[in-house]
Amino acid sequence: MSMIDIHSHFLPRTWPDLAARFGTPDWPWMKHLGSGKAMLMLGSKEFRPVTSACWDAVVRLEAMDRDGVDVQIMCATPVLFAYQHPAAQALECARIFNDAALEMCAAAPRRLKSLCQVPLQDTDRACRELSRAMDDGHLGVHIGNHVGARDFDDEGIITFLQHCAAEGAAVFVHPWDMMSPERMSKYMLPWLVAMPAETQLSILWLILSGAFERLPRSLKLCFAHGGGSFPYLLGRVDNAWHNRDIVREDCPRLPSSYIDRFHVDAAVFSNDALTYLVKTMGEDRVMLGSDYPYPLGEQEVGSLIRSNENLSARSREKLLQGNAARFFGLVPERPNEVQKLATRGSA
């Protein structure tokens, strides 16, 4: 069965010294350690260990062949967003990493696809860079779930999402800059607790603020990590909407009625969780996403969906490739020919 992995990350092997270029500290850079290993740094601090799977297309393609992945959609690691820096500098970073992504994809353009990043703190610059990147061949854009204190009810972010809809750009939302770091200093708790909460927070801002009422239904929007906490706490939100006027004051419809406005990936790592996710979101709105090549990702891509006996063969096919082919515009001219878009070994 063909597979399209919509959630994977990349890092270039090297990039310009941003701290020297901009004259300020704490920019990301790569400390290479040899034997395909490196440490992603933030200024003088270690951020995370990484391997050549991040930057070596050959290593990436070998892993795809091992797991049977036909197409992989890459996006930058969120620490590269630079939302906290001046917009002109963030735009320069976006261009560096967007061009680097396309260079990696050029190694196997039928199999490796990419999402761009934009300086989301500046709406005009973000819209211009999105248009440039789409013209260059990106399938859409990868954005963080907030910009400082600005959430998805923010006027500028709504304007940007409207522009994405007009351009036909898919939008993949990834949590970043997680809440309450002072209470989650150990055990990767920001990734285990705050990431799901951040994702739910973003979805609820769109729903409860009425932002979805201002966005076209044509907007292609997907949230990472199975939508975080959202699918499993949706009953709590509906209950609050029914019983508290302050919850529904800007939201004209029942919160659960908005699940047809976005997609989620299937990176939930549990058969029970996946079954419930598909039951909640519907089999047409969940897509394979591995979080490759990071340790918290699915180590054998697609195995969770393939092994889920609660899903029909038709549902598994939708989750593994059909939904993604439609969402990202990879639908072939004739049915069941995704393989022709992603011929293994083809460059």
C-alpha atoms as a PDB file:
ATOM      1  CA  MET A   1       0.000   0.000   0.000  1.00  0.00           C
ATOM      2  CA  SER A   2       1.388   3.424  -0.970  1.00  0.00           C
ATOM      3  CA  MET A   3       2.315   5.822   1.836  1.00  0.00           C
ATOM      4  CA  ILE A   4       2.675   9.606   1.989  1.00  0.00           C
ATOM      5  CA  ASP A   5       4.295  10.883   5.188  1.00  0.00           C
ATOM      6  CA  ILE A   6       3.148  14.467   5.740  1.00  0.00           C
ATOM      7  CA  HIS A   7       5.131  15.243   8.910  1.00  0.00           C
ATOM      8  CA  SER A   8       8.907  15.067   8.751  1.00  0.00           C
ATOM      9  CA  HIS A   9      11.615  17.561   9.607  1.00  0.00           C
ATOM     10  CA  PHE A  10      14.891  18.599   8.062  1.00  0.00           C
ATOM     11  CA  LEU A  11      17.922  20.687   8.904  1.00  0.00           C
ATOM     12  CA  PRO A  12      20.504  21.806   6.369  1.00  0.00           C
ATOM     13  CA  ARG A  13      23.968  20.434   7.022  1.00  0.00           C
ATOM     14  CA  THR A  14      25.249  23.980   7.341  1.00  0.00           C
ATOM     15  CA  TRP A  15      23.936  27.498   6.983  1.00  0.00           C
ATOM     16  CA  PRO A  16      25.398  31.006   7.357  1.00  0.00           C
ATOM     17  CA  ASP A  17      26.538  32.216  10.775  1.00  0.00           C
ATOM     18  CA  LEU A  18      23.370  34.090  11.719  1.00  0.00           C
ATOM     19  CA  ALA A  19      24.782  35.494  14.946  1.00  0.00           C
ATOM     20  CA  ALA A  20      27.609  37.119  13.012  1.00  0.00           C
ATOM     21  CA  ARG A  21      25.320  38.269  10.221  1.00  0.00           C
ATOM     22  CA  PHE A  22      22.811  39.956  12.512  1.00  0.00           C
ATOM     23  CA  GLY A  23      25.063  40.884  15.403  1.00  0.00           C
ATOM     24  CA  THR A  24      22.928  39.252  18.086  1.00  0.00           C
ATOM     25  CA  PRO A  25      23.384  35.992  20.064  1.00  0.00           C
ATOM     26  CA  ASP A  26      21.302  32.828  20.468  1.00  0.00           C
ATOM     27  CA  TRP A  27      20.799  31.940  16.814  1.00  0.00           C
ATOM     28  CA  PRO A  28      20.669  28.245  15.839  1.00  0.00           C
ATOM     29  CA  TRP A  29      23.740  26.596  14.342  1.00  0.00           C
ATOM     30  CA  MET A  30      25.085  23.074  13.857  1.00  0.00           C
ATOM     31  CA  LYS A  31      28.030  21.657  15.771  1.00  0.00           C
ATOM     32  CA  HIS A  32      29.138  18.634  13.752  1.00  0.00           C
ATOM     33  CA  LEU A  33      30.616  15.808  15.814  1.00  0.00           C
ATOM     34  CA  GLY A  34      31.591  13.384  13.051  1.00  0.00           C
ATOM     35  CA  SER A  35      30.179  10.012  11.937  1.00  0.00           C
ATOM     36  CA  GLY A  36      26.903  11.602  10.864  1.00  0.00           C
ATOM     37  CA  LYS A  37      26.168  13.066  14.295  1.00  0.00           C
ATOM     38  CA  ALA A  38      25.724  16.703  15.285  1.00  0.00           C
ATOM     39  CA  MET A  39      24.351  18.926  18.011  1.00  0.00           C
ATOM     40  CA  LEU A  40      21.854  21.617  17.105  1.00  0.00           C
ATOM     41  CA  MET A  41      22.892  24.628  19.137  1.00  0.00           C
ATOM     42  CA  LEU A  42      21.122  27.800  20.242  1.00  0.00           C
ATOM     43  CA  GLY A  43      23.970  30.193  20.787  1.00  0.00           C
ATOM     44  CA  SER A  44      26.185  28.468  23.358  1.00  0.00           C
ATOM     45  CA  LYS A  45      23.420  26.086  24.579  1.00  0.00           C
ATOM     46  CA  GLU A  46      22.775  22.573  23.334  1.00  0.00           C
ATOM     47  CA  PHE A  47      19.267  22.242  21.926  1.00  0.00           C
ATOM     48  CA  ARG A  48      19.074  18.651  20.640  1.00  0.00           C
ATOM     49  CA  PRO A  49      21.282  15.920  19.167  1.00  0.00           C
ATOM     50  CA  VAL A  50      20.620  15.205  15.507  1.00  0.00           C
ATOM     51  CA  THR A  51      21.917  12.874  12.824  1.00  0.00           C
ATOM     52  CA  SER A  52      22.612  12.985   9.107  1.00  0.00           C
ATOM     53  CA  ALA A  53      19.028  11.873   8.453  1.00  0.00           C
ATOM     54  CA  CYS A  54      18.196  15.567   8.883  1.00  0.00           C
ATOM     55  CA  TRP A  55      20.365  16.791   6.015  1.00  0.00           C
ATOM     56  CA  ASP A  56      21.405  13.798   3.883  1.00  0.00           C
ATOM     57  CA  ALA A  57      18.832  12.958   1.207  1.00  0.00           C
ATOM     58  CA  VAL A  58      20.433   9.560   0.606  1.00  0.00           C
ATOM     59  CA  VAL A  59      19.975   8.554   4.253  1.00  0.00           C
ATOM     60  CA  ARG A  60      16.396   9.841   4.146  1.00  0.00           C
ATOM     61  CA  LEU A  61      15.540   7.918   0.990  1.00  0.00           C
ATOM     62  CA  GLU A  62      17.058   4.726   2.380  1.00  0.00           C
ATOM     63  CA  ALA A  63      14.811   5.033   5.447  1.00  0.00           C
ATOM     64  CA  MET A  64      11.801   5.669   3.208  1.00  0.00           C
ATOM     65  CA  ASP A  65      12.583   2.557   1.176  1.00  0.00           C
ATOM     66  CA  ARG A  66      13.000   0.510   4.363  1.00  0.00           C
ATOM     67  CA  ASP A  67       9.538   1.522   5.629  1.00  0.00           C
ATOM     68  CA  GLY A  68       7.783   1.657   2.263  1.00  0.00           C
ATOM     69  CA  VAL A  69       7.201   5.421   2.186  1.00  0.00           C
ATOM     70  CA  ASP A  70       6.657   6.694  -1.347  1.00  0.00           C
ATOM     71  CA  VAL A  71       6.467  10.442  -0.677  1.00  0.00           C
ATOM     72  CA  GLN A  72       7.760  12.405   2.290  1.00  0.00           C
ATOM     73  CA  ILE A  73       6.824  16.014   2.968  1.00  0.00           C
ATOM     74  CA  MET A  74       9.534  17.883   4.869  1.00  0.00           C
ATOM     75  CA  CYS A  75       9.403  21.034   6.921  1.00  0.00           C
ATOM     76  CA  ALA A  76      11.926  22.935   8.988  1.00  0.00           C
ATOM     77  CA  THR A  77      12.535  22.210  12.640  1.00  0.00           C
ATOM     78  CA  PRO A  78      10.492  24.882  14.496  1.00  0.00           C
ATOM     79  CA  VAL A  79      13.504  26.315  16.301  1.00  0.00           C
ATOM     80  CA  LEU A  80      14.433  27.849  12.922  1.00  0.00           C
ATOM     81  CA  PHE A  81      11.268  29.986  12.726  1.00  0.00           C
ATOM     82  CA  ALA A  82      12.947  33.105  14.233  1.00  0.00           C
ATOM     83  CA  TYR A  83       9.599  34.636  15.210  1.00  0.00           C
ATOM     84  CA  GLN A  84      11.254  36.290  18.207  1.00  0.00           C
ATOM     85  CA  HIS A  85      13.702  38.222  16.010  1.00  0.00           C
ATOM     86  CA  PRO A  86      13.169  41.320  13.831  1.00  0.00           C
ATOM     87  CA  ALA A  87      10.968  40.493  10.852  1.00  0.00           C
ATOM     88  CA  ALA A  88      13.585  41.381   8.247  1.00  0.00           C
ATOM     89  CA  GLN A  89      15.999  38.924   9.844  1.00  0.00           C
ATOM     90  CA  ALA A  90      13.312  36.229  10.078  1.00  0.00           C
ATOM     91  CA  LEU A  91      12.554  36.747   6.393  1.00  0.00           C
ATOM     92  CA  GLU A  92      16.209  36.253   5.507  1.00  0.00           C
ATOM     93  CA  CYS A  93      16.235  33.044   7.569  1.00  0.00           C
ATOM     94  CA  ALA A  94      13.081  31.830   5.866  1.00  0.00           C
ATOM     95  CA  ARG A  95      14.639  32.297   2.447  1.00  0.00           C
ATOM     96  CA  ILE A  96      17.804  30.465   3.495  1.00  0.00           C
ATOM     97  CA  PHE A  97      15.943  27.442   4.837  1.00  0.00           C
ATOM     98  CA  ASN A  98      13.274  27.422   2.138  1.00  0.00           C
ATOM     99  CA  ASP A  99      15.911  27.318  -0.579  1.00  0.00           C
ATOM    100  CA  ALA A 100      17.836  24.635   1.342  1.00  0.00           C
ATOM    101  CA  ALA A 101      14.700  22.467   1.524  1.00  0.00           C
ATOM    102  CA  LEU A 102      14.236  22.640  -2.235  1.00  0.00           C
ATOM    103  CA  GLU A 103      17.896  21.721  -2.745  1.00  0.00           C
ATOM    104  CA  MET A 104      17.349  18.566  -0.701  1.00  0.00           C
ATOM    105  CA  CYS A 105      14.152  17.761  -2.577  1.00  0.00           C
ATOM    106  CA  ALA A 106      16.028  18.054  -5.877  1.00  0.00           C
ATOM    107  CA  ALA A 107      17.772  14.776  -5.031  1.00  0.00           C
ATOM    108  CA  ALA A 108      14.457  12.955  -5.648  1.00  0.00           C
ATOM    109  CA  PRO A 109      11.761  15.450  -6.640  1.00  0.00           C
ATOM    110  CA  ARG A 110       9.009  12.872  -7.063  1.00  0.00           C
ATOM    111  CA  ARG A 111       9.556  11.525  -3.567  1.00  0.00           C
ATOM    112  CA  LEU A 112      10.714  14.485  -1.469  1.00  0.00           C
ATOM    113  CA  LYS A 113       8.405  17.482  -1.120  1.00  0.00           C
ATOM    114  CA  SER A 114       8.639  20.507   1.152  1.00  0.00           C
ATOM    115  CA  LEU A 115       6.729  23.111   3.099  1.00  0.00           C
ATOM    116  CA  CYS A 116       8.191  26.586   3.457  1.00  0.00           C
ATOM    117  CA  GLN A 117       8.490  28.779   6.528  1.00  0.00           C
ATOM    118  CA  VAL A 118       7.643  32.483   6.736  1.00  0.00           C
ATOM    119  CA  PRO A 119       8.277  35.446   9.077  1.00  0.00           C
ATOM    120  CA  LEU A 120       4.849  35.133  10.650  1.00  0.00           C
ATOM    121  CA  GLN A 121       5.450  38.128  12.936  1.00  0.00           C
ATOM    122  CA  ASP A 122       5.064  40.383   9.865  1.00  0.00           C
ATOM    123  CA  THR A 123       1.959  39.653   7.802  1.00  0.00           C
ATOM    124  CA  ASP A 124       3.052  41.418   4.617  1.00  0.00           C
ATOM    125  CA  ARG A 125       6.464  39.768   4.574  1.00  0.00           C
ATOM    126  CA  ALA A 126       4.927  36.410   5.403  1.00  0.00           C
ATOM    127  CA  CYS A 127       2.457  36.657   2.524  1.00  0.00           C
ATOM    128  CA  ARG A 128       5.175  37.667   0.050  1.00  0.00           C
ATOM    129  CA  GLU A 129       7.495  34.854   1.090  1.00  0.00           C
ATOM    130  CA  LEU A 130       4.677  32.324   0.889  1.00  0.00           C
ATOM    131  CA  SER A 131       3.910  33.393  -2.671  1.00  0.00           C
ATOM    132  CA  ARG A 132       7.594  33.240  -3.644  1.00  0.00           C
ATOM    133  CA  ALA A 133       8.005  29.816  -2.084  1.00  0.00           C
ATOM    134  CA  MET A 134       4.896  28.428  -3.746  1.00  0.00           C
ATOM    135  CA  ASP A 135       6.151  29.691  -7.104  1.00  0.00           C
ATOM    136  CA  ASP A 136       9.460  27.919  -6.418  1.00  0.00           C
ATOM    137  CA  GLY A 137       7.765  24.576  -5.760  1.00  0.00           C
ATOM    138  CA  HIS A 138       6.837  24.273  -2.090  1.00  0.00           C
ATOM    139  CA  LEU A 139       3.483  22.598  -1.417  1.00  0.00           C
ATOM    140  CA  GLY A 140       2.513  24.961   1.360  1.00  0.00           C
ATOM    141  CA  VAL A 141       3.740  26.409   4.629  1.00  0.00           C
ATOM    142  CA  HIS A 142       4.759  25.183   8.065  1.00  0.00           C
ATOM    143  CA  ILE A 143       3.937  27.617  10.880  1.00  0.00           C
ATOM    144  CA  GLY A 144       4.158  27.669  14.648  1.00  0.00           C
ATOM    145  CA  ASN A 145       0.984  27.668  16.703  1.00  0.00           C
ATOM    146  CA  HIS A 146       1.524  31.192  18.027  1.00  0.00           C
ATOM    147  CA  VAL A 147       3.796  34.218  17.679  1.00  0.00           C
ATOM    148  CA  GLY A 148       4.641  35.308  21.187  1.00  0.00           C
ATOM    149  CA  ALA A 149       1.335  36.366  22.766  1.00  0.00           C
ATOM    150  CA  ARG A 150      -0.463  36.367  19.395  1.00  0.00           C
ATOM    151  CA  ASP A 151      -2.714  33.359  18.932  1.00  0.00           C
ATOM    152  CA  PHE A 152      -4.841  32.266  15.977  1.00  0.00           C
ATOM    153  CA  ASP A 153      -7.514  34.875  16.614  1.00  0.00           C
ATOM    154  CA  ASP A 154      -4.919  37.547  15.784  1.00  0.00           C
ATOM    155  CA  GLU A 155      -5.855  39.771  12.857  1.00  0.00           C
ATOM    156  CA  GLY A 156      -2.496  39.401  11.149  1.00  0.00           C
ATOM    157  CA  ILE A 157      -2.465  35.611  11.417  1.00  0.00           C
ATOM    158  CA  ILE A 158      -6.036  35.419  10.085  1.00  0.00           C
ATOM    159  CA  THR A 159      -5.014  37.623   7.148  1.00  0.00           C
ATOM    160  CA  PHE A 160      -2.080  35.316   6.460  1.00  0.00           C
ATOM    161  CA  LEU A 161      -4.315  32.243   6.544  1.00  0.00           C
ATOM    162  CA  GLN A 162      -6.704  33.951   4.136  1.00  0.00           C
ATOM    163  CA  HIS A 163      -3.730  34.521   1.822  1.00  0.00           C
ATOM    164  CA  CYS A 164      -2.791  30.833   2.101  1.00  0.00           C
ATOM    165  CA  ALA A 165      -6.296  29.888   1.006  1.00  0.00           C
ATOM    166  CA  ALA A 166      -6.080  32.268  -1.965  1.00  0.00           C
ATOM    167  CA  GLU A 167      -2.722  30.751  -2.992  1.00  0.00           C
ATOM    168  CA  GLY A 168      -3.948  27.175  -2.510  1.00  0.00           C
ATOM    169  CA  ALA A 169      -1.181  26.614   0.027  1.00  0.00           C
ATOM    170  CA  ALA A 170      -1.530  23.806   2.554  1.00  0.00           C
ATOM    171  CA  VAL A 171      -0.867  24.971   6.128  1.00  0.00           C
ATOM    172  CA  PHE A 172       0.756  22.628   8.636  1.00  0.00           C
ATOM    173  CA  VAL A 173       0.635  23.901  12.231  1.00  0.00           C
ATOM    174  CA  HIS A 174       3.279  22.676  14.650  1.00  0.00           C
ATOM    175  CA  PRO A 175       3.531  23.504  18.378  1.00  0.00           C
ATOM    176  CA  TRP A 176       6.624  25.381  19.438  1.00  0.00           C
ATOM    177  CA  ASP A 177       7.887  27.735  22.170  1.00  0.00           C
ATOM    178  CA  MET A 178       5.972  25.717  24.731  1.00  0.00           C
ATOM    179  CA  MET A 179       4.179  27.063  27.782  1.00  0.00           C
ATOM    180  CA  SER A 180       5.399  26.927  31.409  1.00  0.00           C
ATOM    181  CA  PRO A 181       9.003  25.786  30.829  1.00  0.00           C
ATOM    182  CA  GLU A 182       9.802  26.533  34.468  1.00  0.00           C
ATOM    183  CA  ARG A 183       7.472  23.693  35.521  1.00  0.00           C
ATOM    184  CA  MET A 184       8.687  21.229  32.887  1.00  0.00           C
ATOM    185  CA  SER A 185      12.451  21.287  33.171  1.00  0.00           C
ATOM    186  CA  LYS A 186      12.995  17.510  33.067  1.00  0.00           C
ATOM    187  CA  TYR A 187      11.985  14.311  31.280  1.00  0.00           C
ATOM    188  CA  MET A 188      11.139  16.055  27.996  1.00  0.00           C
ATOM    189  CA  LEU A 189       7.923  17.270  29.639  1.00  0.00           C
ATOM    190  CA  PRO A 190       7.578  20.263  27.277  1.00  0.00           C
ATOM    191  CA  TRP A 191       7.291  17.758  24.424  1.00  0.00           C
ATOM    192  CA  LEU A 192       5.098  15.330  26.361  1.00  0.00           C
ATOM    193  CA  VAL A 193       2.715  17.770  28.057  1.00  0.00           C
ATOM    194  CA  ALA A 194       2.976  21.249  26.575  1.00  0.00           C
ATOM    195  CA  MET A 195       3.018  20.257  22.899  1.00  0.00           C
ATOM    196  CA  PRO A 196      -0.421  18.572  23.040  1.00  0.00           C
ATOM    197  CA  ALA A 197      -1.782  21.456  25.103  1.00  0.00           C
ATOM    198  CA  GLU A 198      -0.375  24.092  22.731  1.00  0.00           C
ATOM    199  CA  THR A 199      -2.025  22.366  19.770  1.00  0.00           C
ATOM    200  CA  GLN A 200      -5.399  22.173  21.490  1.00  0.00           C
ATOM    201  CA  LEU A 201      -5.068  25.834  22.467  1.00  0.00           C
ATOM    202  CA  SER A 202      -4.568  26.870  18.840  1.00  0.00           C
ATOM    203  CA  ILE A 203      -7.558  24.883  17.610  1.00  0.00           C
ATOM    204  CA  LEU A 204      -9.768  26.333  20.326  1.00  0.00           C
ATOM    205  CA  TRP A 205      -8.695  29.897  19.516  1.00  0.00           C
ATOM    206  CA  LEU A 206      -9.835  29.310  15.938  1.00  0.00           C
ATOM    207  CA  ILE A 207     -13.154  27.844  17.044  1.00  0.00           C
ATOM    208  CA  LEU A 208     -14.142  29.850  20.116  1.00  0.00           C
ATOM    209  CA  SER A 209     -12.987  33.247  18.836  1.00  0.00           C
ATOM    210  CA  GLY A 210     -15.072  32.932  15.683  1.00  0.00           C
ATOM    211  CA  ALA A 211     -11.936  32.974  13.510  1.00  0.00           C
ATOM    212  CA  PHE A 212     -13.190  30.049  11.452  1.00  0.00           C
ATOM    213  CA  GLU A 213     -16.190  32.179  10.479  1.00  0.00           C
ATOM    214  CA  ARG A 214     -13.746  34.582   8.808  1.00  0.00           C
ATOM    215  CA  LEU A 215     -11.700  31.945   7.007  1.00  0.00           C
ATOM    216  CA  PRO A 216     -12.758  30.332   3.719  1.00  0.00           C
ATOM    217  CA  ARG A 217     -13.652  26.678   3.747  1.00  0.00           C
ATOM    218  CA  SER A 218     -11.077  26.219   1.004  1.00  0.00           C
ATOM    219  CA  LEU A 219      -8.263  26.747   3.532  1.00  0.00           C
ATOM    220  CA  LYS A 220      -6.239  23.530   3.842  1.00  0.00           C
ATOM    221  CA  LEU A 221      -5.249  23.378   7.505  1.00  0.00           C
ATOM    222  CA  CYS A 222      -3.593  20.499   9.359  1.00  0.00           C
ATOM    223  CA  PHE A 223      -2.451  20.234  12.978  1.00  0.00           C
ATOM    224  CA  ALA A 224       0.440  18.046  14.093  1.00  0.00           C
ATOM    225  CA  HIS A 225       0.475  15.249  16.665  1.00  0.00           C
ATOM    226  CA  GLY A 226      -3.100  14.141  16.155  1.00  0.00           C
ATOM    227  CA  GLY A 227      -4.444  17.544  17.092  1.00  0.00           C
ATOM    228  CA  GLY A 228      -2.806  17.298  20.501  1.00  0.00           C
ATOM    229  CA  SER A 229      -5.297  17.112  23.369  1.00  0.00           C
ATOM    230  CA  PHE A 230      -8.191  18.440  21.292  1.00  0.00           C
ATOM    231  CA  PRO A 231      -9.906  15.228  20.094  1.00  0.00           C
ATOM    232  CA  TYR A 232      -9.897  13.661  23.549  1.00  0.00           C
ATOM    233  CA  LEU A 233     -11.281  16.707  25.387  1.00  0.00           C
ATOM    234  CA  LEU A 234     -13.801  17.796  22.767  1.00  0.00           C
ATOM    235  CA  GLY A 235     -16.713  16.615  24.902  1.00  0.00           C
ATOM    236  CA  ARG A 236     -15.530  18.941  27.680  1.00  0.00           C
ATOM    237  CA  VAL A 237     -15.496  21.868  25.260  1.00  0.00           C
ATOM    238  CA  ASP A 238     -18.979  21.097  23.919  1.00  0.00           C
ATOM    239  CA  ASN A 239     -20.283  20.815  27.458  1.00  0.00           C
ATOM    240  CA  ALA A 240     -18.826  24.215  28.353  1.00  0.00           C
ATOM    241  CA  TRP A 241     -20.334  25.761  25.204  1.00  0.00           C
ATOM    242  CA  HIS A 242     -23.795  24.437  26.167  1.00  0.00           C
ATOM    243  CA  ASN A 243     -23.603  25.594  29.780  1.00  0.00           C
ATOM    244  CA  ARG A 244     -21.536  28.797  29.886  1.00  0.00           C
ATOM    245  CA  ASP A 245     -22.413  31.837  27.799  1.00  0.00           C
ATOM    246  CA  ILE A 246     -18.864  33.186  28.046  1.00  0.00           C
ATOM    247  CA  VAL A 247     -17.654  30.142  26.078  1.00  0.00           C
ATOM    248  CA  ARG A 248     -20.131  30.598  23.227  1.00  0.00           C
ATOM    249  CA  GLU A 249     -20.210  34.418  23.075  1.00  0.00           C
ATOM    250  CA  ASP A 250     -17.998  34.522  19.928  1.00  0.00           C
ATOM    251  CA  CYS A 251     -18.653  30.984  18.718  1.00  0.00           C
ATOM    252  CA  PRO A 252     -21.990  30.623  16.899  1.00  0.00           C
ATOM    253  CA  ARG A 253     -21.951  26.837  16.557  1.00  0.00           C
ATOM    254  CA  LEU A 254     -21.172  23.818  18.716  1.00  0.00           C
ATOM    255  CA  PRO A 255     -17.366  23.421  18.851  1.00  0.00           C
ATOM    256  CA  SER A 256     -17.479  19.822  17.632  1.00  0.00           C
ATOM    257  CA  SER A 257     -19.220  21.018  14.454  1.00  0.00           C
ATOM    258  CA  TYR A 258     -15.936  22.597  13.318  1.00  0.00           C
ATOM    259  CA  ILE A 259     -13.985  19.373  12.909  1.00  0.00           C
ATOM    260  CA  ASP A 260     -14.710  19.502   9.180  1.00  0.00           C
ATOM    261  CA  ARG A 261     -12.530  22.628   8.910  1.00  0.00           C
ATOM    262  CA  PHE A 262      -9.134  21.018   9.510  1.00  0.00           C
ATOM    263  CA  HIS A 263      -7.088  17.828   9.351  1.00  0.00           C
ATOM    264  CA  VAL A 264      -4.677  16.205  11.802  1.00  0.00           C
ATOM    265  CA  ASP A 265      -1.783  13.813  11.439  1.00  0.00           C
ATOM    266  CA  ALA A 266      -1.831  10.329  12.960  1.00  0.00           C
ATOM    267  CA  ALA A 267       1.228  10.674  15.217  1.00  0.00           C
ATOM    268  CA  VAL A 268      -0.446   9.358  18.389  1.00  0.00           C
ATOM    269  CA  PHE A 269       1.555   6.105  18.950  1.00  0.00           C
ATOM    270  CA  SER A 270      -1.334   4.037  20.321  1.00  0.00           C
ATOM    271  CA  ASN A 271      -3.885   1.890  18.524  1.00  0.00           C
ATOM    272  CA  ASP A 272      -6.612   2.922  20.947  1.00  0.00           C
ATOM    273  CA  ALA A 273      -5.767   6.589  20.511  1.00  0.00           C
ATOM    274  CA  LEU A 274      -5.707   6.251  16.727  1.00  0.00           C
ATOM    275  CA  THR A 275      -9.064   4.465  16.710  1.00  0.00           C
ATOM    276  CA  TYR A 276     -10.620   7.230  18.789  1.00  0.00           C
ATOM    277  CA  LEU A 277      -8.949   9.935  16.697  1.00  0.00           C
ATOM    278  CA  VAL A 278     -10.432   8.532  13.493  1.00  0.00           C
ATOM    279  CA  LYS A 279     -13.823   8.127  15.164  1.00  0.00           C
ATOM    280  CA  THR A 280     -13.719  11.777  16.286  1.00  0.00           C
ATOM    281  CA  MET A 281     -12.238  13.449  13.220  1.00  0.00           C
ATOM    282  CA  GLY A 282     -13.519  11.082  10.547  1.00  0.00           C
ATOM    283  CA  GLU A 283     -11.479   8.846   8.277  1.00  0.00           C
ATOM    284  CA  ASP A 284     -11.125  11.603   5.667  1.00  0.00           C
ATOM    285  CA  ARG A 285      -9.330  14.040   8.003  1.00  0.00           C
ATOM    286  CA  VAL A 286      -6.437  12.019   9.423  1.00  0.00           C
ATOM    287  CA  MET A 287      -3.119  11.602   7.579  1.00  0.00           C
ATOM    288  CA  LEU A 288       0.045   9.628   8.194  1.00  0.00           C
ATOM    289  CA  GLY A 289       2.660  11.757   9.932  1.00  0.00           C
ATOM    290  CA  SER A 290       5.798  10.261  11.446  1.00  0.00           C
ATOM    291  CA  ASP A 291       7.804  13.193  12.893  1.00  0.00           C
ATOM    292  CA  TYR A 292      10.834  11.631  11.148  1.00  0.00           C
ATOM    293  CA  PRO A 293      13.722  11.616  11.960  1.00  0.00           C
ATOM    294  CA  TYR A 294      13.386  12.565  15.608  1.00  0.00           C
ATOM    295  CA  PRO A 295      13.308  10.099  18.535  1.00  0.00           C
ATOM    296  CA  LEU A 296       9.736  10.970  19.539  1.00  0.00           C
ATOM    297  CA  GLY A 297       8.558  10.094  16.040  1.00  0.00           C
ATOM    298  CA  GLU A 298       7.264   6.787  14.702  1.00  0.00           C
ATOM    299  CA  GLN A 299      10.290   4.535  14.376  1.00  0.00           C
ATOM    300  CA  GLU A 300       8.722   2.290  11.707  1.00  0.00           C
ATOM    301  CA  VAL A 301       6.733   4.732   9.642  1.00  0.00           C
ATOM    302  CA  GLY A 302       3.167   3.682   8.964  1.00  0.00           C
ATOM    303  CA  SER A 303       3.200   0.687  11.300  1.00  0.00           C
ATOM    304  CA  LEU A 304       0.551   2.105  13.648  1.00  0.00           C
ATOM    305  CA  ILE A 305      -1.990   2.580  10.871  1.00  0.00           C
ATOM    306  CA  ARG A 306      -1.184  -0.694   9.135  1.00  0.00           C
ATOM    307  CA  SER A 307      -1.511  -2.693  12.363  1.00  0.00           C
ATOM    308  CA  ASN A 308      -4.795  -1.147  13.530  1.00  0.00           C
ATOM    309  CA  GLU A 309      -7.406  -3.886  13.222  1.00  0.00           C
ATOM    310  CA  ASN A 310     -10.213  -1.472  14.073  1.00  0.00           C
ATOM    311  CA  LEU A 311      -9.733   0.316  10.755  1.00  0.00           C
ATOM    312  CA  SER A 312     -11.043  -1.084   7.505  1.00  0.00           C
ATOM    313  CA  ALA A 313      -8.706  -1.577   4.588  1.00  0.00           C
ATOM    314  CA  ARG A 314     -10.330   1.432   2.925  1.00  0.00           C
ATOM    315  CA  SER A 315      -9.751   3.588   6.022  1.00  0.00           C
ATOM    316  CA  ARG A 316      -6.113   2.530   6.238  1.00  0.00           C
ATOM    317  CA  GLU A 317      -5.622   3.421   2.591  1.00  0.00           C
ATOM    318  CA  LYS A 318      -7.072   6.885   3.209  1.00  0.00           C
ATOM    319  CA  LEU A 319      -4.858   7.507   6.229  1.00  0.00           C
ATOM    320  CA  LEU A 320      -1.710   6.164   4.583  1.00  0.00           C
ATOM    321  CA  GLN A 321      -1.952   8.099   1.330  1.00  0.00           C
ATOM    322  CA  GLY A 322      -5.386   8.979  -0.050  1.00  0.00           C
ATOM    323  CA  ASN A 323      -6.156  11.876   2.268  1.00  0.00           C
ATOM    324  CA  ALA A 324      -2.671  13.348   1.892  1.00  0.00           C
ATOM    325  CA  ALA A 325      -2.732  13.047  -1.899  1.00  0.00           C
ATOM    326  CA  ARG A 326      -5.942  15.071  -1.948  1.00  0.00           C
ATOM    327  CA  PHE A 327      -4.895  17.578   0.740  1.00  0.00           C
ATOM    328  CA  PHE A 328      -1.544  18.427  -0.852  1.00  0.00           C
ATOM    329  CA  GLY A 329      -2.705  18.289  -4.444  1.00  0.00           C
ATOM    330  CA  LEU A 330      -0.814  15.107  -5.272  1.00  0.00           C
ATOM    331  CA  VAL A 331      -3.885  13.370  -6.705  1.00  0.00           C
ATOM    332  CA  PRO A 332      -2.881  11.679  -9.989  1.00  0.00           C
ATOM    333  CA  GLU A 333      -4.837  11.895 -13.218  1.00  0.00           C
ATOM    334  CA  ARG A 334      -6.198   8.353 -12.782  1.00  0.00           C
ATOM    335  CA  PRO A 335      -7.138   6.708  -9.456  1.00  0.00           C
ATOM    336  CA  ASN A 336      -4.656   4.533  -7.578  1.00  0.00           C
ATOM    337  CA  GLU A 337      -1.635   5.962  -9.364  1.00  0.00           C
ATOM    338  CA  VAL A 338       0.081   7.743  -6.500  1.00  0.00           C
ATOM    339  CA  GLN A 339       2.954   5.351  -7.208  1.00  0.00           C
ATOM    340  CA  LYS A 340       3.528   7.159 -10.494  1.00  0.00           C
ATOM    341  CA  LEU A 341       3.984  10.390  -8.587  1.00  0.00           C
ATOM    342  CA  ALA A 342       6.406   8.698  -6.259  1.00  0.00           C
ATOM    343  CA  THR A 343       8.232   6.005  -8.163  1.00  0.00           C
ATOM    344  CA  ARG A 344      10.735   4.527  -5.775  1.00  0.00           C
ATOM    345  CA  GLY A 345      14.290   5.343  -6.662  1.00  0.00           C
ATOM    346  CA  SER A 346      13.216   7.927  -9.243  1.00  0.00           C
ATOM    347  CA  ALA A 347      14.878  11.294  -9.232  1.00  0.00           C
END
